[in-house]
Amino acid sequence: MRVMSTKFQLVAISALSILLIASVEAGTPSSDSSTAPPTAPYSISQAPPVAQKGKTTGEIQSPSPQSSILDIIEKLFRIAAYIIGALWVYFNFWKGRTYRPRIEPMVTGQILNHQGSKLIKIVINLKNVGLSKVDVEQKGTALRLLSYDSSNTNDPWKHQSTISILSAHKWIEPGETVGEQFLIPFTETNLIAVKAEVILVSKKTMWESAIILP
């Protein structure tokens, strides 16, 4: 939660900085409309310029209407660029939160006794609760079964089998729930407990859920 708050502060500071730069650009006069430096006074040896008919001597030429319009258009384009940049940062931030892949894995099961042998019934369900589809990578996506071995105090969970799952699914659509059921024979004689782990791998993200069956 603290990480998301920090990200939001960074985005807000970036957006405010861009808007502040835009406002400064809007208030900065262009080089075309700046006044010319004052003309040095005439020396005694120099004669004042002779005014020609129809022309005024020493008058500062004002910018043309066309130049002023182009200057306004340039400022508007700059402001629009800054606003678009701020909106792009804001959109990417919320897109990263809203459209990130989210899966809710669930696994249930029970141990069945059938004619002196044990069967493990496993039911898995994976629901896409996000707003974007989640690709299913078969490499790493699996159901793992482990049995509890009390004689091994360092690592009591002993791996029994790994089963491939979701082989018929290439992806999971938003709001979609996919599930599979398994009935697995178990040869362990002194069975104390079984752990079932479901793992889903998609690109660089992995989801997992586990259940222990006594």
Foldseek 3Di string as FASTA:
>chain_A
DVVLVVLVVVLVVLLVVLQVVLVVLVPDDDPLQDWDDDDDDDDPPDDDDDDDPPDDPPDTDGDDPVVVVVSVVVSVVSSVVSNVVSVVSVVVSVCCVQADWDKDKDKDWAWDADPNWIKIKMKIKIFTQGQAKFFFDQVPFWKWKWFAQPVDPVDRTHTDDIGGPPPVDGIAHHGGMDMDMDIGTDDDDPTDKMKIKGWTDGDPDIDMDMDIYD
